[in-house]
Amino acid sequence: VLNTFHMVDLAGRENEKTTLVTGERLKELTFINRSLFTLTSCILALSSSSREGELRSQAHVPFRDSKLTLLLSEAFTGNCY
């Protein structure tokens, strides 16, 4: 039996225009925001396929668009207990 435990610290989304950061910090902020957007897209795709009665394997879920969602794809698809 293999157990997997996922702990994720989701940083709050910050607006690049109103935050006074530059350089590497701005690049990091952009990656965080993109990952959170992709996480939202995955959750919406999974929830819409459940409501429409489709099999989850038939609906396209953009897990590969972000490292965060790729790492959490097992948890989202129900392959963990």
N, C-alpha and C. Protein backbone atom coordinates (compact mmCIF):
# COMPACT_ATOMS: atom_id res chain seq x y z
N VAL A 1 0.85 -1.17 0.00
CA VAL A 1 0.00 0.00 0.00
C VAL A 1 0.90 1.24 0.00
N LEU A 2 0.64 2.11 -0.92
CA LEU A 2 1.39 3.36 -1.04
C LEU A 2 0.49 4.52 -0.66
N ASN A 3 0.91 5.30 0.31
CA ASN A 3 0.14 6.46 0.74
C ASN A 3 0.81 7.72 0.26
N THR A 4 0.00 8.66 -0.17
CA THR A 4 0.50 9.95 -0.62
C THR A 4 -0.22 11.05 0.13
N PHE A 5 0.55 11.99 0.64
CA PHE A 5 -0.02 13.11 1.36
C PHE A 5 0.46 14.39 0.67
N HIS A 6 -0.47 15.22 0.23
CA HIS A 6 -0.12 16.45 -0.47
C HIS A 6 -0.39 17.65 0.44
N MET A 7 0.66 18.41 0.71
CA MET A 7 0.51 19.68 1.44
C MET A 7 0.94 20.79 0.50
N VAL A 8 0.06 21.73 0.27
CA VAL A 8 0.35 22.82 -0.65
C VAL A 8 0.06 24.14 0.03
N ASP A 9 1.02 25.03 0.00
CA ASP A 9 0.83 26.38 0.52
C ASP A 9 0.49 27.27 -0.66
N LEU A 10 -0.76 27.64 -0.77
CA LEU A 10 -1.19 28.47 -1.88
C LEU A 10 -1.07 29.93 -1.49
N ALA A 11 -0.13 30.61 -2.12
CA ALA A 11 0.07 32.03 -1.85
C ALA A 11 -1.11 32.81 -2.42
N GLY A 12 -1.41 33.92 -1.81
CA GLY A 12 -2.50 34.75 -2.31
C GLY A 12 -2.12 35.41 -3.62
N ARG A 13 -3.09 35.59 -4.47
CA ARG A 13 -2.83 36.23 -5.76
C ARG A 13 -2.57 37.71 -5.53
N GLU A 14 -1.52 38.21 -6.17
CA GLU A 14 -1.20 39.62 -6.08
C GLU A 14 -1.24 40.22 -7.48
N ASN A 15 -1.63 41.45 -7.55
CA ASN A 15 -1.71 42.14 -8.83
C ASN A 15 -0.34 42.70 -9.18
N GLU A 16 0.14 42.36 -10.37
CA GLU A 16 1.47 42.81 -10.78
C GLU A 16 1.54 44.33 -10.94
N LYS A 17 0.42 44.95 -11.29
CA LYS A 17 0.43 46.39 -11.53
C LYS A 17 0.48 47.19 -10.24
N THR A 18 -0.19 46.70 -9.20
CA THR A 18 -0.23 47.46 -7.95
C THR A 18 0.88 47.08 -6.98
N THR A 19 1.52 45.94 -7.19
CA THR A 19 2.63 45.53 -6.33
C THR A 19 3.89 46.20 -6.82
N LEU A 20 4.65 46.73 -5.93
CA LEU A 20 5.86 47.48 -6.31
C LEU A 20 7.09 46.59 -6.31
N VAL A 21 7.02 45.45 -7.02
CA VAL A 21 8.16 44.55 -7.10
C VAL A 21 8.72 44.57 -8.53
N THR A 22 9.99 44.26 -8.63
CA THR A 22 10.65 44.23 -9.94
C THR A 22 11.59 43.04 -10.00
N GLY A 23 12.10 42.77 -11.18
CA GLY A 23 13.13 41.76 -11.37
C GLY A 23 12.67 40.35 -11.08
N GLU A 24 13.48 39.61 -10.33
CA GLU A 24 13.22 38.19 -10.04
C GLU A 24 11.93 38.01 -9.24
N ARG A 25 11.66 38.92 -8.34
CA ARG A 25 10.43 38.83 -7.53
C ARG A 25 9.19 38.97 -8.40
N LEU A 26 9.24 39.84 -9.39
CA LEU A 26 8.12 40.01 -10.33
C LEU A 26 7.94 38.75 -11.17
N LYS A 27 9.04 38.14 -11.59
CA LYS A 27 8.96 36.91 -12.36
C LYS A 27 8.34 35.79 -11.53
N GLU A 28 8.75 35.69 -10.26
CA GLU A 28 8.19 34.68 -9.36
C GLU A 28 6.69 34.92 -9.15
N LEU A 29 6.30 36.18 -8.97
CA LEU A 29 4.90 36.54 -8.79
C LEU A 29 4.07 36.14 -10.00
N THR A 30 4.63 36.32 -11.19
CA THR A 30 3.94 35.94 -12.42
C THR A 30 3.73 34.44 -12.48
N PHE A 31 4.73 33.65 -12.11
CA PHE A 31 4.60 32.19 -12.11
C PHE A 31 3.56 31.73 -11.10
N ILE A 32 3.53 32.35 -9.92
CA ILE A 32 2.55 32.00 -8.90
C ILE A 32 1.14 32.26 -9.40
N ASN A 33 0.92 33.43 -9.98
CA ASN A 33 -0.40 33.78 -10.50
C ASN A 33 -0.83 32.84 -11.62
N ARG A 34 0.10 32.48 -12.49
CA ARG A 34 -0.21 31.56 -13.59
C ARG A 34 -0.58 30.18 -13.04
N SER A 35 0.14 29.71 -12.02
CA SER A 35 -0.16 28.41 -11.42
C SER A 35 -1.53 28.41 -10.76
N LEU A 36 -1.87 29.50 -10.07
CA LEU A 36 -3.19 29.59 -9.44
C LEU A 36 -4.30 29.63 -10.48
N PHE A 37 -4.07 30.31 -11.59
CA PHE A 37 -5.05 30.35 -12.66
C PHE A 37 -5.24 28.95 -13.26
N THR A 38 -4.15 28.22 -13.45
CA THR A 38 -4.24 26.87 -14.00
C THR A 38 -4.93 25.94 -13.01
N LEU A 39 -4.67 26.10 -11.73
CA LEU A 39 -5.35 25.31 -10.71
C LEU A 39 -6.86 25.55 -10.77
N THR A 40 -7.25 26.81 -10.92
CA THR A 40 -8.67 27.14 -11.05
C THR A 40 -9.26 26.50 -12.30
N SER A 41 -8.53 26.53 -13.41
CA SER A 41 -9.01 25.93 -14.66
C SER A 41 -9.21 24.43 -14.51
N CYS A 42 -8.30 23.76 -13.81
CA CYS A 42 -8.43 22.31 -13.59
C CYS A 42 -9.65 21.99 -12.74
N ILE A 43 -9.85 22.75 -11.68
CA ILE A 43 -10.99 22.52 -10.80
C ILE A 43 -12.29 22.76 -11.55
N LEU A 44 -12.36 23.82 -12.35
CA LEU A 44 -13.56 24.09 -13.13
C LEU A 44 -13.82 23.00 -14.17
N ALA A 45 -12.77 22.51 -14.81
CA ALA A 45 -12.93 21.45 -15.81
C ALA A 45 -13.43 20.16 -15.16
N LEU A 46 -12.91 19.82 -14.00
CA LEU A 46 -13.35 18.62 -13.29
C LEU A 46 -14.78 18.77 -12.78
N SER A 47 -15.13 19.94 -12.29
CA SER A 47 -16.49 20.12 -11.77
C SER A 47 -17.52 20.17 -12.89
N SER A 48 -17.18 20.75 -14.02
CA SER A 48 -18.14 20.80 -15.13
C SER A 48 -18.34 19.42 -15.74
N SER A 49 -17.29 18.59 -15.78
CA SER A 49 -17.47 17.24 -16.32
C SER A 49 -18.31 16.39 -15.37
N SER A 50 -18.23 16.65 -14.08
CA SER A 50 -19.04 15.91 -13.12
C SER A 50 -20.51 16.31 -13.25
N ARG A 51 -20.76 17.58 -13.47
CA ARG A 51 -22.14 18.04 -13.60
C ARG A 51 -22.79 17.56 -14.88
N GLU A 52 -22.02 17.45 -15.94
CA GLU A 52 -22.58 17.06 -17.23
C GLU A 52 -22.66 15.55 -17.40
N GLY A 53 -22.18 14.80 -16.42
CA GLY A 53 -22.28 13.35 -16.48
C GLY A 53 -21.22 12.69 -17.34
N GLU A 54 -20.23 13.44 -17.78
CA GLU A 54 -19.16 12.84 -18.58
C GLU A 54 -18.20 12.08 -17.68
N LEU A 55 -17.49 11.15 -18.25
CA LEU A 55 -16.42 10.51 -17.51
C LEU A 55 -15.26 11.49 -17.41
N ARG A 56 -14.58 11.49 -16.29
CA ARG A 56 -13.47 12.42 -16.11
C ARG A 56 -12.34 12.15 -17.10
N SER A 57 -12.20 10.93 -17.53
CA SER A 57 -11.12 10.64 -18.47
C SER A 57 -11.40 11.22 -19.85
N GLN A 58 -12.67 11.54 -20.14
CA GLN A 58 -13.02 12.09 -21.45
C GLN A 58 -12.90 13.61 -21.49
N ALA A 59 -13.04 14.26 -20.35
CA ALA A 59 -12.95 15.72 -20.31
C ALA A 59 -11.49 16.15 -20.30
N HIS A 60 -11.19 17.24 -21.01
CA HIS A 60 -9.81 17.75 -21.01
C HIS A 60 -9.58 18.61 -19.78
N VAL A 61 -8.62 18.20 -18.98
CA VAL A 61 -8.22 18.96 -17.80
C VAL A 61 -6.76 19.36 -18.00
N PRO A 62 -6.46 20.66 -17.95
CA PRO A 62 -5.11 21.15 -18.28
C PRO A 62 -4.07 20.94 -17.17
N PHE A 63 -3.85 19.69 -16.76
CA PHE A 63 -2.89 19.41 -15.70
C PHE A 63 -1.47 19.79 -16.09
N ARG A 64 -1.10 19.64 -17.35
CA ARG A 64 0.28 19.87 -17.78
C ARG A 64 0.64 21.33 -17.99
N ASP A 65 -0.30 22.21 -17.76
CA ASP A 65 -0.03 23.64 -17.97
C ASP A 65 0.75 24.27 -16.82
N SER A 66 0.89 23.55 -15.70
CA SER A 66 1.56 24.10 -14.53
C SER A 66 2.22 22.96 -13.75
N LYS A 67 3.36 23.25 -13.14
CA LYS A 67 4.01 22.23 -12.30
C LYS A 67 3.14 21.88 -11.10
N LEU A 68 2.46 22.86 -10.54
CA LEU A 68 1.60 22.63 -9.40
C LEU A 68 0.49 21.64 -9.73
N THR A 69 -0.22 21.87 -10.83
CA THR A 69 -1.33 20.98 -11.18
C THR A 69 -0.84 19.62 -11.66
N LEU A 70 0.33 19.58 -12.26
CA LEU A 70 0.89 18.30 -12.68
C LEU A 70 1.22 17.45 -11.46
N LEU A 71 1.78 18.06 -10.43
CA LEU A 71 2.10 17.34 -9.21
C LEU A 71 0.85 16.88 -8.47
N LEU A 72 -0.23 17.66 -8.56
CA LEU A 72 -1.46 17.33 -7.86
C LEU A 72 -2.45 16.53 -8.70
N SER A 73 -2.07 16.15 -9.91
CA SER A 73 -3.02 15.48 -10.80
C SER A 73 -3.53 14.16 -10.24
N GLU A 74 -2.71 13.42 -9.53
CA GLU A 74 -3.18 12.17 -8.91
C GLU A 74 -4.30 12.43 -7.91
N ALA A 75 -4.14 13.47 -7.11
CA ALA A 75 -5.15 13.78 -6.11
C ALA A 75 -6.45 14.24 -6.77
N PHE A 76 -6.36 14.97 -7.86
CA PHE A 76 -7.56 15.44 -8.54
C PHE A 76 -8.33 14.34 -9.25
N THR A 77 -7.63 13.37 -9.79
CA THR A 77 -8.31 12.35 -10.59
C THR A 77 -8.81 11.19 -9.76
N GLY A 78 -8.62 11.21 -8.46
CA GLY A 78 -9.15 10.18 -7.60
C GLY A 78 -8.27 8.96 -7.50
N ASN A 79 -7.00 9.07 -7.87
CA ASN A 79 -6.09 7.95 -7.77
C ASN A 79 -5.40 7.88 -6.42
N CYS A 80 -5.84 8.68 -5.47
CA CYS A 80 -5.28 8.60 -4.13
C CYS A 80 -6.41 8.27 -3.16
N TYR A 81 -6.05 7.70 -2.05
CA TYR A 81 -7.06 7.25 -1.09
C TYR A 81 -6.89 7.94 0.24
